[in-house]
Amino acid sequence: MVKENPPVKIPRIGQSVQGSQTGQPIMVLFDLIGRRWSMGILWNLSSQNRTFRDLQTRCGSASPTVLNTRLKELRAVGLVEKTDTGYGLTGSGRELFEVLEPLGDWAMEWAKDL
């Protein structure tokens, strides 16, 4: 008997997501990138494409199952793509990373006051 993988559950605009009953686009995005290892994957793919094994090493405590699930989710929403050289950010994924970089800078300053 062949065991089929269940489809990945990705948040949808207009549907209830974590933190929002209305499913506004920003909340759908926060739900998606707030999942375990999603940001780590995006960060590690921001500079170059990486193989699954390389991502697994860089996301040290992420299990292969979680890493695979996050990659499927990020691919399903068009932020990550699989290429001949591994996984990489799509144009939308790069745009998202560029938008998030200033937020990271802000967080570093904010953390100094904590």
PDB file of N, CA and C in Angstrom:
ATOM      1  N   MET A   1       0.845  -1.176   0.000  1.00  0.00           N
ATOM      2  CA  MET A   1       0.000   0.000   0.000  1.00  0.00           C
ATOM      3  C   MET A   1       0.892   1.243   0.000  1.00  0.00           C
ATOM      4  N   VAL A   2       0.658   2.155  -0.926  1.00  0.00           N
ATOM      5  CA  VAL A   2       1.416   3.391  -1.022  1.00  0.00           C
ATOM      6  C   VAL A   2       0.772   4.434  -0.124  1.00  0.00           C
ATOM      7  N   LYS A   3       1.596   5.021   0.732  1.00  0.00           N
ATOM      8  CA  LYS A   3       1.101   6.059   1.624  1.00  0.00           C
ATOM      9  C   LYS A   3       1.219   7.408   0.912  1.00  0.00           C
ATOM     10  N   GLU A   4       0.098   8.092   0.743  1.00  0.00           N
ATOM     11  CA  GLU A   4       0.107   9.395   0.092  1.00  0.00           C
ATOM     12  C   GLU A   4       0.282  10.486   1.131  1.00  0.00           C
ATOM     13  N   ASN A   5       1.046  11.500   0.756  1.00  0.00           N
ATOM     14  CA  ASN A   5       1.220  12.643   1.638  1.00  0.00           C
ATOM     15  C   ASN A   5      -0.029  13.511   1.588  1.00  0.00           C
ATOM     16  N   PRO A   6      -0.523  13.937   2.749  1.00  0.00           N
ATOM     17  CA  PRO A   6      -1.682  14.824   2.742  1.00  0.00           C
ATOM     18  C   PRO A   6      -1.278  16.171   2.147  1.00  0.00           C
ATOM     19  N   PRO A   7      -2.219  16.883   1.529  1.00  0.00           N
ATOM     20  CA  PRO A   7      -1.878  18.199   0.985  1.00  0.00           C
ATOM     21  C   PRO A   7      -1.511  19.156   2.114  1.00  0.00           C
ATOM     22  N   VAL A   8      -0.640  20.106   1.813  1.00  0.00           N
ATOM     23  CA  VAL A   8      -0.254  21.065   2.845  1.00  0.00           C
ATOM     24  C   VAL A   8      -1.412  22.018   3.101  1.00  0.00           C
ATOM     25  N   LYS A   9      -1.501  22.466   4.343  1.00  0.00           N
ATOM     26  CA  LYS A   9      -2.570  23.388   4.730  1.00  0.00           C
ATOM     27  C   LYS A   9      -1.976  24.794   4.728  1.00  0.00           C
ATOM     28  N   ILE A  10      -2.346  25.557   3.732  1.00  0.00           N
ATOM     29  CA  ILE A  10      -1.842  26.924   3.665  1.00  0.00           C
ATOM     30  C   ILE A  10      -2.962  27.892   3.995  1.00  0.00           C
ATOM     31  N   PRO A  11      -2.614  29.016   4.631  1.00  0.00           N
ATOM     32  CA  PRO A  11      -3.645  29.995   4.951  1.00  0.00           C
ATOM     33  C   PRO A  11      -4.190  30.628   3.676  1.00  0.00           C
ATOM     34  N   ARG A  12      -5.450  30.980   3.702  1.00  0.00           N
ATOM     35  CA  ARG A  12      -6.113  31.558   2.526  1.00  0.00           C
ATOM     36  C   ARG A  12      -6.717  32.924   2.874  1.00  0.00           C
ATOM     37  N   ILE A  13      -6.551  33.854   1.969  1.00  0.00           N
ATOM     38  CA  ILE A  13      -7.139  35.176   2.145  1.00  0.00           C
ATOM     39  C   ILE A  13      -8.655  35.030   2.186  1.00  0.00           C
ATOM     40  N   GLY A  14      -9.260  35.720   3.159  1.00  0.00           N
ATOM     41  CA  GLY A  14     -10.711  35.674   3.308  1.00  0.00           C
ATOM     42  C   GLY A  14     -11.197  34.571   4.228  1.00  0.00           C
ATOM     43  N   GLN A  15     -10.282  33.701   4.655  1.00  0.00           N
ATOM     44  CA  GLN A  15     -10.646  32.632   5.582  1.00  0.00           C
ATOM     45  C   GLN A  15      -9.978  32.892   6.924  1.00  0.00           C
ATOM     46  N   SER A  16     -10.559  32.356   7.960  1.00  0.00           N
ATOM     47  CA  SER A  16     -10.026  32.519   9.299  1.00  0.00           C
ATOM     48  C   SER A  16      -8.601  31.970   9.381  1.00  0.00           C
ATOM     49  N   VAL A  17      -7.704  32.770   9.943  1.00  0.00           N
ATOM     50  CA  VAL A  17      -6.322  32.355  10.170  1.00  0.00           C
ATOM     51  C   VAL A  17      -5.960  32.701  11.601  1.00  0.00           C
ATOM     52  N   GLN A  18      -4.806  32.268  12.035  1.00  0.00           N
ATOM     53  CA  GLN A  18      -4.377  32.553  13.397  1.00  0.00           C
ATOM     54  C   GLN A  18      -4.327  34.066  13.608  1.00  0.00           C
ATOM     55  N   GLY A  19      -5.079  34.556  14.565  1.00  0.00           N
ATOM     56  CA  GLY A  19      -5.097  35.973  14.886  1.00  0.00           C
ATOM     57  C   GLY A  19      -6.102  36.808  14.108  1.00  0.00           C
ATOM     58  N   SER A  20      -6.848  36.201  13.196  1.00  0.00           N
ATOM     59  CA  SER A  20      -7.803  36.967  12.391  1.00  0.00           C
ATOM     60  C   SER A  20      -8.952  36.086  11.935  1.00  0.00           C
ATOM     61  N   GLN A  21     -10.147  36.523  12.228  1.00  0.00           N
ATOM     62  CA  GLN A  21     -11.327  35.804  11.750  1.00  0.00           C
ATOM     63  C   GLN A  21     -11.642  36.154  10.295  1.00  0.00           C
ATOM     64  N   THR A  22     -11.196  37.343   9.850  1.00  0.00           N
ATOM     65  CA  THR A  22     -11.544  37.813   8.510  1.00  0.00           C
ATOM     66  C   THR A  22     -10.550  37.376   7.442  1.00  0.00           C
ATOM     67  N   GLY A  23      -9.359  36.983   7.840  1.00  0.00           N
ATOM     68  CA  GLY A  23      -8.365  36.535   6.868  1.00  0.00           C
ATOM     69  C   GLY A  23      -7.840  37.641   5.973  1.00  0.00           C
ATOM     70  N   GLN A  24      -7.596  38.809   6.569  1.00  0.00           N
ATOM     71  CA  GLN A  24      -7.000  39.909   5.811  1.00  0.00           C
ATOM     72  C   GLN A  24      -5.627  39.483   5.297  1.00  0.00           C
ATOM     73  N   PRO A  25      -5.212  39.963   4.118  1.00  0.00           N
ATOM     74  CA  PRO A  25      -3.947  39.521   3.529  1.00  0.00           C
ATOM     75  C   PRO A  25      -2.739  39.612   4.467  1.00  0.00           C
ATOM     76  N   ILE A  26      -2.623  40.701   5.230  1.00  0.00           N
ATOM     77  CA  ILE A  26      -1.464  40.836   6.122  1.00  0.00           C
ATOM     78  C   ILE A  26      -1.489  39.760   7.203  1.00  0.00           C
ATOM     79  N   MET A  27      -2.683  39.427   7.698  1.00  0.00           N
ATOM     80  CA  MET A  27      -2.791  38.401   8.733  1.00  0.00           C
ATOM     81  C   MET A  27      -2.507  37.012   8.162  1.00  0.00           C
ATOM     82  N   VAL A  28      -2.906  36.786   6.923  1.00  0.00           N
ATOM     83  CA  VAL A  28      -2.604  35.514   6.260  1.00  0.00           C
ATOM     84  C   VAL A  28      -1.089  35.373   6.118  1.00  0.00           C
ATOM     85  N   LEU A  29      -0.430  36.462   5.714  1.00  0.00           N
ATOM     86  CA  LEU A  29       1.029  36.438   5.590  1.00  0.00           C
ATOM     87  C   LEU A  29       1.685  36.181   6.941  1.00  0.00           C
ATOM     88  N   PHE A  30       1.238  36.889   7.992  1.00  0.00           N
ATOM     89  CA  PHE A  30       1.810  36.679   9.325  1.00  0.00           C
ATOM     90  C   PHE A  30       1.598  35.248   9.805  1.00  0.00           C
ATOM     91  N   ASP A  31       0.431  34.683   9.514  1.00  0.00           N
ATOM     92  CA  ASP A  31       0.177  33.288   9.881  1.00  0.00           C
ATOM     93  C   ASP A  31       1.203  32.387   9.205  1.00  0.00           C
ATOM     94  N   LEU A  32       1.416  32.601   7.926  1.00  0.00           N
ATOM     95  CA  LEU A  32       2.335  31.755   7.162  1.00  0.00           C
ATOM     96  C   LEU A  32       3.784  31.920   7.615  1.00  0.00           C
ATOM     97  N   ILE A  33       4.269  33.149   7.688  1.00  0.00           N
ATOM     98  CA  ILE A  33       5.686  33.336   8.032  1.00  0.00           C
ATOM     99  C   ILE A  33       5.944  33.170   9.522  1.00  0.00           C
ATOM    100  N   GLY A  34       4.872  33.138  10.318  1.00  0.00           N
ATOM    101  CA  GLY A  34       5.025  32.914  11.747  1.00  0.00           C
ATOM    102  C   GLY A  34       5.117  31.442  12.127  1.00  0.00           C
ATOM    103  N   ARG A  35       4.962  30.572  11.168  1.00  0.00           N
ATOM    104  CA  ARG A  35       5.060  29.136  11.454  1.00  0.00           C
ATOM    105  C   ARG A  35       6.521  28.753  11.689  1.00  0.00           C
ATOM    106  N   ARG A  36       6.700  27.718  12.504  1.00  0.00           N
ATOM    107  CA  ARG A  36       8.061  27.263  12.831  1.00  0.00           C
ATOM    108  C   ARG A  36       8.911  27.126  11.585  1.00  0.00           C
ATOM    109  N   TRP A  37      10.038  27.770  11.604  1.00  0.00           N
ATOM    110  CA  TRP A  37      11.083  27.681  10.586  1.00  0.00           C
ATOM    111  C   TRP A  37      10.780  28.395   9.280  1.00  0.00           C
ATOM    112  N   SER A  38       9.614  28.978   9.103  1.00  0.00           N
ATOM    113  CA  SER A  38       9.339  29.689   7.848  1.00  0.00           C
ATOM    114  C   SER A  38      10.308  30.848   7.640  1.00  0.00           C
ATOM    115  N   MET A  39      10.478  31.685   8.654  1.00  0.00           N
ATOM    116  CA  MET A  39      11.396  32.818   8.522  1.00  0.00           C
ATOM    117  C   MET A  39      12.837  32.343   8.380  1.00  0.00           C
ATOM    118  N   GLY A  40      13.202  31.293   9.094  1.00  0.00           N
ATOM    119  CA  GLY A  40      14.556  30.754   8.968  1.00  0.00           C
ATOM    120  C   GLY A  40      14.841  30.274   7.558  1.00  0.00           C
ATOM    121  N   ILE A  41      13.859  29.664   6.949  1.00  0.00           N
ATOM    122  CA  ILE A  41      14.016  29.196   5.566  1.00  0.00           C
ATOM    123  C   ILE A  41      14.170  30.391   4.635  1.00  0.00           C
ATOM    124  N   LEU A  42      13.284  31.377   4.763  1.00  0.00           N
ATOM    125  CA  LEU A  42      13.373  32.561   3.912  1.00  0.00           C
ATOM    126  C   LEU A  42      14.717  33.258   4.090  1.00  0.00           C
ATOM    127  N   TRP A  43      15.161  33.383   5.326  1.00  0.00           N
ATOM    128  CA  TRP A  43      16.446  34.024   5.613  1.00  0.00           C
ATOM    129  C   TRP A  43      17.588  33.258   4.948  1.00  0.00           C
ATOM    130  N   ASN A  44      17.593  31.950   5.090  1.00  0.00           N
ATOM    131  CA  ASN A  44      18.681  31.140   4.534  1.00  0.00           C
ATOM    132  C   ASN A  44      18.671  31.089   3.013  1.00  0.00           C
ATOM    133  N   LEU A  45      17.530  31.337   2.407  1.00  0.00           N
ATOM    134  CA  LEU A  45      17.454  31.355   0.945  1.00  0.00           C
ATOM    135  C   LEU A  45      17.660  32.757   0.370  1.00  0.00           C
ATOM    136  N   SER A  46      17.788  33.755   1.242  1.00  0.00           N
ATOM    137  CA  SER A  46      17.874  35.138   0.763  1.00  0.00           C
ATOM    138  C   SER A  46      19.164  35.427   0.008  1.00  0.00           C
ATOM    139  N   SER A  47      20.222  34.705   0.308  1.00  0.00           N
ATOM    140  CA  SER A  47      21.504  34.997  -0.337  1.00  0.00           C
ATOM    141  C   SER A  47      21.816  34.070  -1.502  1.00  0.00           C
ATOM    142  N   GLN A  48      21.278  32.850  -1.461  1.00  0.00           N
ATOM    143  CA  GLN A  48      21.543  31.902  -2.548  1.00  0.00           C
ATOM    144  C   GLN A  48      20.615  30.703  -2.439  1.00  0.00           C
ATOM    145  N   ASN A  49      20.525  29.953  -3.527  1.00  0.00           N
ATOM    146  CA  ASN A  49      19.759  28.706  -3.507  1.00  0.00           C
ATOM    147  C   ASN A  49      20.473  27.700  -2.626  1.00  0.00           C
ATOM    148  N   ARG A  50      19.693  26.838  -1.996  1.00  0.00           N
ATOM    149  CA  ARG A  50      20.268  25.835  -1.101  1.00  0.00           C
ATOM    150  C   ARG A  50      19.551  24.503  -1.296  1.00  0.00           C
ATOM    151  N   THR A  51      20.308  23.429  -1.123  1.00  0.00           N
ATOM    152  CA  THR A  51      19.724  22.094  -1.189  1.00  0.00           C
ATOM    153  C   THR A  51      18.961  21.823   0.101  1.00  0.00           C
ATOM    154  N   PHE A  52      18.138  20.794   0.073  1.00  0.00           N
ATOM    155  CA  PHE A  52      17.399  20.409   1.278  1.00  0.00           C
ATOM    156  C   PHE A  52      18.377  20.102   2.404  1.00  0.00           C
ATOM    157  N   ARG A  53      19.436  19.366   2.094  1.00  0.00           N
ATOM    158  CA  ARG A  53      20.420  18.992   3.116  1.00  0.00           C
ATOM    159  C   ARG A  53      21.095  20.228   3.714  1.00  0.00           C
ATOM    160  N   ASP A  54      21.434  21.193   2.864  1.00  0.00           N
ATOM    161  CA  ASP A  54      22.047  22.430   3.345  1.00  0.00           C
ATOM    162  C   ASP A  54      21.079  23.189   4.245  1.00  0.00           C
ATOM    163  N   LEU A  55      19.825  23.285   3.827  1.00  0.00           N
ATOM    164  CA  LEU A  55      18.826  23.942   4.674  1.00  0.00           C
ATOM    165  C   LEU A  55      18.666  23.211   6.001  1.00  0.00           C
ATOM    166  N   GLN A  56      18.686  21.900   5.943  1.00  0.00           N
ATOM    167  CA  GLN A  56      18.546  21.099   7.160  1.00  0.00           C
ATOM    168  C   GLN A  56      19.696  21.402   8.123  1.00  0.00           C
ATOM    169  N   THR A  57      20.903  21.532   7.600  1.00  0.00           N
ATOM    170  CA  THR A  57      22.065  21.864   8.429  1.00  0.00           C
ATOM    171  C   THR A  57      21.920  23.265   9.010  1.00  0.00           C
ATOM    172  N   ARG A  58      21.504  24.205   8.197  1.00  0.00           N
ATOM    173  CA  ARG A  58      21.386  25.596   8.632  1.00  0.00           C
ATOM    174  C   ARG A  58      20.219  25.806   9.595  1.00  0.00           C
ATOM    175  N   CYS A  59      19.195  24.997   9.492  1.00  0.00           N
ATOM    176  CA  CYS A  59      18.044  25.059  10.396  1.00  0.00           C
ATOM    177  C   CYS A  59      18.165  23.882  11.365  1.00  0.00           C
ATOM    178  N   GLY A  60      19.286  23.806  12.040  1.00  0.00           N
ATOM    179  CA  GLY A  60      19.710  22.678  12.849  1.00  0.00           C
ATOM    180  C   GLY A  60      18.675  21.875  13.598  1.00  0.00           C
ATOM    181  N   SER A  61      17.760  22.530  14.291  1.00  0.00           N
ATOM    182  CA  SER A  61      16.829  21.754  15.106  1.00  0.00           C
ATOM    183  C   SER A  61      15.507  21.475  14.391  1.00  0.00           C
ATOM    184  N   ALA A  62      15.401  21.865  13.140  1.00  0.00           N
ATOM    185  CA  ALA A  62      14.172  21.573  12.385  1.00  0.00           C
ATOM    186  C   ALA A  62      14.203  20.125  11.918  1.00  0.00           C
ATOM    187  N   SER A  63      13.152  19.397  12.207  1.00  0.00           N
ATOM    188  CA  SER A  63      13.092  18.009  11.745  1.00  0.00           C
ATOM    189  C   SER A  63      12.900  18.006  10.228  1.00  0.00           C
ATOM    190  N   PRO A  64      13.312  16.931   9.559  1.00  0.00           N
ATOM    191  CA  PRO A  64      13.096  16.849   8.111  1.00  0.00           C
ATOM    192  C   PRO A  64      11.616  16.993   7.736  1.00  0.00           C
ATOM    193  N   THR A  65      10.735  16.472   8.568  1.00  0.00           N
ATOM    194  CA  THR A  65       9.300  16.561   8.293  1.00  0.00           C
ATOM    195  C   THR A  65       8.823  18.007   8.328  1.00  0.00           C
ATOM    196  N   VAL A  66       9.215  18.742   9.362  1.00  0.00           N
ATOM    197  CA  VAL A  66       8.809  20.147   9.479  1.00  0.00           C
ATOM    198  C   VAL A  66       9.413  20.963   8.344  1.00  0.00           C
ATOM    199  N   LEU A  67      10.689  20.750   8.063  1.00  0.00           N
ATOM    200  CA  LEU A  67      11.350  21.484   6.988  1.00  0.00           C
ATOM    201  C   LEU A  67      10.657  21.223   5.649  1.00  0.00           C
ATOM    202  N   ASN A  68      10.355  19.976   5.381  1.00  0.00           N
ATOM    203  CA  ASN A  68       9.676  19.614   4.138  1.00  0.00           C
ATOM    204  C   ASN A  68       8.289  20.258   4.054  1.00  0.00           C
ATOM    205  N   THR A  69       7.557  20.238   5.156  1.00  0.00           N
ATOM    206  CA  THR A  69       6.224  20.851   5.183  1.00  0.00           C
ATOM    207  C   THR A  69       6.307  22.348   4.926  1.00  0.00           C
ATOM    208  N   ARG A  70       7.245  23.039   5.610  1.00  0.00           N
ATOM    209  CA  ARG A  70       7.385  24.484   5.401  1.00  0.00           C
ATOM    210  C   ARG A  70       7.767  24.803   3.963  1.00  0.00           C
ATOM    211  N   LEU A  71       8.664  24.017   3.379  1.00  0.00           N
ATOM    212  CA  LEU A  71       9.050  24.245   1.985  1.00  0.00           C
ATOM    213  C   LEU A  71       7.855  24.068   1.055  1.00  0.00           C
ATOM    214  N   LYS A  72       7.041  23.055   1.312  1.00  0.00           N
ATOM    215  CA  LYS A  72       5.841  22.838   0.491  1.00  0.00           C
ATOM    216  C   LYS A  72       4.881  24.017   0.619  1.00  0.00           C
ATOM    217  N   GLU A  73       4.695  24.512   1.847  1.00  0.00           N
ATOM    218  CA  GLU A  73       3.799  25.651   2.065  1.00  0.00           C
ATOM    219  C   GLU A  73       4.318  26.894   1.351  1.00  0.00           C
ATOM    220  N   LEU A  74       5.606  27.164   1.506  1.00  0.00           N
ATOM    221  CA  LEU A  74       6.196  28.355   0.897  1.00  0.00           C
ATOM    222  C   LEU A  74       6.205  28.259  -0.627  1.00  0.00           C
ATOM    223  N   ARG A  75       6.347  27.050  -1.141  1.00  0.00           N
ATOM    224  CA  ARG A  75       6.251  26.848  -2.594  1.00  0.00           C
ATOM    225  C   ARG A  75       4.809  27.039  -3.059  1.00  0.00           C
ATOM    226  N   ALA A  76       3.858  26.536  -2.282  1.00  0.00           N
ATOM    227  CA  ALA A  76       2.445  26.613  -2.669  1.00  0.00           C
ATOM    228  C   ALA A  76       1.945  28.051  -2.782  1.00  0.00           C
ATOM    229  N   VAL A  77       2.536  28.961  -2.007  1.00  0.00           N
ATOM    230  CA  VAL A  77       2.107  30.366  -2.061  1.00  0.00           C
ATOM    231  C   VAL A  77       3.039  31.217  -2.920  1.00  0.00           C
ATOM    232  N   GLY A  78       3.978  30.585  -3.587  1.00  0.00           N
ATOM    233  CA  GLY A  78       4.814  31.294  -4.548  1.00  0.00           C
ATOM    234  C   GLY A  78       5.958  32.100  -3.983  1.00  0.00           C
ATOM    235  N   LEU A  79       6.416  31.780  -2.772  1.00  0.00           N
ATOM    236  CA  LEU A  79       7.556  32.489  -2.195  1.00  0.00           C
ATOM    237  C   LEU A  79       8.867  31.749  -2.417  1.00  0.00           C
ATOM    238  N   VAL A  80       8.791  30.437  -2.565  1.00  0.00           N
ATOM    239  CA  VAL A  80       9.971  29.586  -2.757  1.00  0.00           C
ATOM    240  C   VAL A  80       9.734  28.720  -3.986  1.00  0.00           C
ATOM    241  N   GLU A  81      10.811  28.439  -4.691  1.00  0.00           N
ATOM    242  CA  GLU A  81      10.732  27.543  -5.847  1.00  0.00           C
ATOM    243  C   GLU A  81      11.842  26.508  -5.748  1.00  0.00           C
ATOM    244  N   LYS A  82      11.624  25.384  -6.395  1.00  0.00           N
ATOM    245  CA  LYS A  82      12.638  24.340  -6.459  1.00  0.00           C
ATOM    246  C   LYS A  82      13.295  24.440  -7.828  1.00  0.00           C
ATOM    247  N   THR A  83      14.618  24.510  -7.827  1.00  0.00           N
ATOM    248  CA  THR A  83      15.369  24.659  -9.071  1.00  0.00           C
ATOM    249  C   THR A  83      16.358  23.506  -9.203  1.00  0.00           C
ATOM    250  N   ASP A  84      17.141  23.545 -10.261  1.00  0.00           N
ATOM    251  CA  ASP A  84      18.177  22.523 -10.458  1.00  0.00           C
ATOM    252  C   ASP A  84      19.235  22.569  -9.366  1.00  0.00           C
ATOM    253  N   THR A  85      19.398  23.733  -8.734  1.00  0.00           N
ATOM    254  CA  THR A  85      20.426  23.884  -7.698  1.00  0.00           C
ATOM    255  C   THR A  85      19.852  23.859  -6.289  1.00  0.00           C
ATOM    256  N   GLY A  86      18.622  23.449  -6.142  1.00  0.00           N
ATOM    257  CA  GLY A  86      18.004  23.372  -4.818  1.00  0.00           C
ATOM    258  C   GLY A  86      16.794  24.281  -4.726  1.00  0.00           C
ATOM    259  N   TYR A  87      16.581  24.830  -3.552  1.00  0.00           N
ATOM    260  CA  TYR A  87      15.458  25.726  -3.304  1.00  0.00           C
ATOM    261  C   TYR A  87      15.952  27.163  -3.334  1.00  0.00           C
ATOM    262  N   GLY A  88      15.102  28.049  -3.817  1.00  0.00           N
ATOM    263  CA  GLY A  88      15.448  29.466  -3.872  1.00  0.00           C
ATOM    264  C   GLY A  88      14.200  30.314  -3.738  1.00  0.00           C
ATOM    265  N   LEU A  89      14.418  31.595  -3.497  1.00  0.00           N
ATOM    266  CA  LEU A  89      13.301  32.524  -3.417  1.00  0.00           C
ATOM    267  C   LEU A  89      12.819  32.867  -4.821  1.00  0.00           C
ATOM    268  N   THR A  90      11.524  32.992  -4.966  1.00  0.00           N
ATOM    269  CA  THR A  90      10.944  33.487  -6.217  1.00  0.00           C
ATOM    270  C   THR A  90      11.076  35.009  -6.212  1.00  0.00           C
ATOM    271  N   GLY A  91      10.621  35.650  -7.264  1.00  0.00           N
ATOM    272  CA  GLY A  91      10.599  37.112  -7.278  1.00  0.00           C
ATOM    273  C   GLY A  91       9.789  37.660  -6.115  1.00  0.00           C
ATOM    274  N   SER A  92       8.644  37.060  -5.850  1.00  0.00           N
ATOM    275  CA  SER A  92       7.808  37.487  -4.712  1.00  0.00           C
ATOM    276  C   SER A  92       8.512  37.235  -3.390  1.00  0.00           C
ATOM    277  N   GLY A  93       9.216  36.122  -3.293  1.00  0.00           N
ATOM    278  CA  GLY A  93       9.966  35.811  -2.076  1.00  0.00           C
ATOM    279  C   GLY A  93      11.064  36.824  -1.823  1.00  0.00           C
ATOM    280  N   ARG A  94      11.763  37.240  -2.883  1.00  0.00           N
ATOM    281  CA  ARG A  94      12.809  38.263  -2.747  1.00  0.00           C
ATOM    282  C   ARG A  94      12.193  39.604  -2.351  1.00  0.00           C
ATOM    283  N   GLU A  95      11.059  39.945  -2.964  1.00  0.00           N
ATOM    284  CA  GLU A  95      10.373  41.193  -2.605  1.00  0.00           C
ATOM    285  C   GLU A  95       9.978  41.182  -1.134  1.00  0.00           C
ATOM    286  N   LEU A  96       9.427  40.068  -0.673  1.00  0.00           N
ATOM    287  CA  LEU A  96       9.043  39.953   0.732  1.00  0.00           C
ATOM    288  C   LEU A  96      10.258  40.121   1.626  1.00  0.00           C
ATOM    289  N   PHE A  97      11.360  39.470   1.289  1.00  0.00           N
ATOM    290  CA  PHE A  97      12.558  39.578   2.114  1.00  0.00           C
ATOM    291  C   PHE A  97      13.039  41.028   2.176  1.00  0.00           C
ATOM    292  N   GLU A  98      12.994  41.734   1.051  1.00  0.00           N
ATOM    293  CA  GLU A  98      13.415  43.140   1.027  1.00  0.00           C
ATOM    294  C   GLU A  98      12.517  44.006   1.908  1.00  0.00           C
ATOM    295  N   VAL A  99      11.239  43.680   1.957  1.00  0.00           N
ATOM    296  CA  VAL A  99      10.307  44.416   2.812  1.00  0.00           C
ATOM    297  C   VAL A  99      10.572  44.103   4.285  1.00  0.00           C
ATOM    298  N   LEU A 100      10.953  42.864   4.582  1.00  0.00           N
ATOM    299  CA  LEU A 100      11.170  42.450   5.967  1.00  0.00           C
ATOM    300  C   LEU A 100      12.507  42.926   6.531  1.00  0.00           C
ATOM    301  N   GLU A 101      13.494  43.186   5.681  1.00  0.00           N
ATOM    302  CA  GLU A 101      14.807  43.620   6.174  1.00  0.00           C
ATOM    303  C   GLU A 101      14.725  44.849   7.077  1.00  0.00           C
ATOM    304  N   PRO A 102      14.016  45.919   6.688  1.00  0.00           N
ATOM    305  CA  PRO A 102      13.910  47.067   7.591  1.00  0.00           C
ATOM    306  C   PRO A 102      13.220  46.719   8.912  1.00  0.00           C
ATOM    307  N   LEU A 103      12.285  45.792   8.874  1.00  0.00           N
ATOM    308  CA  LEU A 103      11.638  45.344  10.107  1.00  0.00           C
ATOM    309  C   LEU A 103      12.664  44.685  11.020  1.00  0.00           C
ATOM    310  N   GLY A 104      13.570  43.912  10.435  1.00  0.00           N
ATOM    311  CA  GLY A 104      14.651  43.303  11.208  1.00  0.00           C
ATOM    312  C   GLY A 104      15.553  44.351  11.829  1.00  0.00           C
ATOM    313  N   ASP A 105      15.869  45.401  11.076  1.00  0.00           N
ATOM    314  CA  ASP A 105      16.683  46.502  11.611  1.00  0.00           C
ATOM    315  C   ASP A 105      15.965  47.176  12.770  1.00  0.00           C
ATOM    316  N   TRP A 106      14.665  47.422  12.599  1.00  0.00           N
ATOM    317  CA  TRP A 106      13.879  48.028  13.658  1.00  0.00           C
ATOM    318  C   TRP A 106      13.898  47.144  14.904  1.00  0.00           C
ATOM    319  N   ALA A 107      13.754  45.843  14.710  1.00  0.00           N
ATOM    320  CA  ALA A 107      13.722  44.907  15.840  1.00  0.00           C
ATOM    321  C   ALA A 107      15.039  44.922  16.608  1.00  0.00           C
ATOM    322  N   MET A 108      16.156  45.085  15.905  1.00  0.00           N
ATOM    323  CA  MET A 108      17.462  45.145  16.586  1.00  0.00           C
ATOM    324  C   MET A 108      17.525  46.371  17.500  1.00  0.00           C
ATOM    325  N   GLU A 109      17.037  47.504  17.029  1.00  0.00           N
ATOM    326  CA  GLU A 109      17.009  48.719  17.856  1.00  0.00           C
ATOM    327  C   GLU A 109      16.035  48.555  19.018  1.00  0.00           C
ATOM    328  N   TRP A 110      14.893  47.994  18.752  1.00  0.00           N
ATOM    329  CA  TRP A 110      13.877  47.765  19.772  1.00  0.00           C
ATOM    330  C   TRP A 110      14.407  46.849  20.868  1.00  0.00           C
ATOM    331  N   ALA A 111      15.146  45.824  20.466  1.00  0.00           N
ATOM    332  CA  ALA A 111      15.669  44.850  21.429  1.00  0.00           C
ATOM    333  C   ALA A 111      16.644  45.486  22.408  1.00  0.00           C
ATOM    334  N   LYS A 112      17.312  46.549  21.999  1.00  0.00           N
ATOM    335  CA  LYS A 112      18.261  47.234  22.894  1.00  0.00           C
ATOM    336  C   LYS A 112      17.556  47.826  24.102  1.00  0.00           C
ATOM    337  N   ASP A 113      16.286  48.166  23.946  1.00  0.00           N
ATOM    338  CA  ASP A 113      15.518  48.782  25.029  1.00  0.00           C
ATOM    339  C   ASP A 113      14.833  47.769  25.936  1.00  0.00           C
ATOM    340  N   LEU A 114      14.922  46.519  25.605  1.00  0.00           N
ATOM    341  CA  LEU A 114      14.250  45.501  26.425  1.00  0.00           C
ATOM    342  C   LEU A 114      15.098  45.090  27.600  1.00  0.00           C
TER     343      LEU A 114
END
